[in-house]
Amino acid sequence: MATTPTSTGVLDRDPIENQEAPVKKDRTHWLYIMVIIAVVAGAAIGLMAPDVGKALKPLGTGFVALIKMIIAPVNVVVTP
């Protein structure tokens, strides 16, 4: 009975198998950053230029509506 030789040389290894998968950031990470930036910008505008802040109220209302639209499906999926 013949046996086939097995080699454990460097060339026999799969190079893709030994590589680690690249770490990807979650997409929601950017959402948190955008919300924090918006809150800080809104507070700064409200303190430095209250009239401009009042004029930007529709933009803020739209922003809050968009956030609610994103959070609503998450709430339905997470809640048992």
Protein backbone atom coordinates (compact mmCIF):
# COMPACT_ATOMS: atom_id res chain seq x y z
CA MET A 1 0.00 0.00 0.00
CA ALA A 2 1.43 3.36 -1.03
CA THR A 3 1.23 6.38 1.17
CA THR A 4 1.26 9.92 -0.08
CA PRO A 5 3.79 12.18 1.53
CA THR A 6 2.42 15.16 3.40
CA SER A 7 4.37 18.35 3.65
CA THR A 8 4.06 21.05 6.28
CA GLY A 9 6.19 23.53 4.43
CA VAL A 10 5.50 27.25 4.19
CA LEU A 11 4.26 26.97 0.62
CA ASP A 12 1.55 24.48 1.60
CA ARG A 13 -0.29 26.92 3.88
CA ASP A 14 -3.14 29.06 2.65
CA PRO A 15 -2.04 32.72 2.99
CA ILE A 16 -5.63 33.93 3.35
CA GLU A 17 -6.30 31.53 6.21
CA ASN A 18 -3.54 33.07 8.33
CA GLN A 19 -4.68 36.67 7.89
CA GLU A 20 -6.84 38.34 10.49
CA ALA A 21 -10.08 39.92 9.37
CA PRO A 22 -9.95 43.72 9.24
CA VAL A 23 -11.79 45.41 12.08
CA LYS A 24 -14.77 47.38 10.82
CA LYS A 25 -16.51 50.09 12.80
CA ASP A 26 -20.22 49.78 13.23
CA ARG A 27 -22.21 52.17 11.04
CA THR A 28 -24.17 53.41 14.03
CA HIS A 29 -20.93 54.75 15.48
CA TRP A 30 -21.13 57.64 13.01
CA LEU A 31 -24.73 58.32 14.02
CA TYR A 32 -23.68 58.89 17.62
CA ILE A 33 -20.93 61.24 16.52
CA MET A 34 -23.31 63.22 14.29
CA VAL A 35 -25.86 63.56 17.11
CA ILE A 36 -23.22 64.83 19.53
CA ILE A 37 -21.93 67.34 16.95
CA ALA A 38 -25.49 68.55 16.27
CA VAL A 39 -26.21 69.01 19.98
CA VAL A 40 -23.00 70.95 20.55
CA ALA A 41 -23.56 73.09 17.44
CA GLY A 42 -27.17 73.79 18.44
CA ALA A 43 -26.16 74.83 21.94
CA ALA A 44 -23.38 77.06 20.61
CA ILE A 45 -25.67 78.77 18.10
CA GLY A 46 -28.38 79.19 20.74
CA LEU A 47 -25.94 80.86 23.13
CA MET A 48 -24.09 83.05 20.64
CA ALA A 49 -26.89 84.00 18.25
CA PRO A 50 -30.37 83.32 19.67
CA ASP A 51 -32.15 84.87 16.67
CA VAL A 52 -30.35 82.52 14.30
CA GLY A 53 -31.28 79.64 16.60
CA LYS A 54 -34.95 80.58 16.38
CA ALA A 55 -34.71 80.76 12.58
CA LEU A 56 -33.19 77.24 12.52
CA LYS A 57 -36.09 75.70 14.48
CA PRO A 58 -37.53 73.87 11.40
CA LEU A 59 -34.12 72.29 10.81
CA GLY A 60 -33.99 71.07 14.42
CA THR A 61 -37.54 69.74 14.24
CA GLY A 62 -36.69 67.85 11.05
CA PHE A 63 -33.54 66.44 12.65
CA VAL A 64 -35.49 65.14 15.64
CA ALA A 65 -38.07 63.59 13.28
CA LEU A 66 -35.28 61.79 11.40
CA ILE A 67 -33.82 60.45 14.64
CA LYS A 68 -37.24 59.19 15.71
CA MET A 69 -37.64 57.53 12.33
CA ILE A 70 -34.34 55.69 12.81
CA ILE A 71 -35.00 54.71 16.43
CA ALA A 72 -38.60 53.47 15.94
CA PRO A 73 -37.68 50.29 13.98
CA VAL A 74 -34.89 49.51 16.46
CA ASN A 75 -37.36 49.82 19.33
CA VAL A 76 -39.80 47.43 17.64
CA VAL A 77 -37.11 44.85 16.91
CA VAL A 78 -35.51 44.98 20.38
CA THR A 79 -38.72 45.01 22.42
CA PRO A 80 -40.07 41.46 22.89
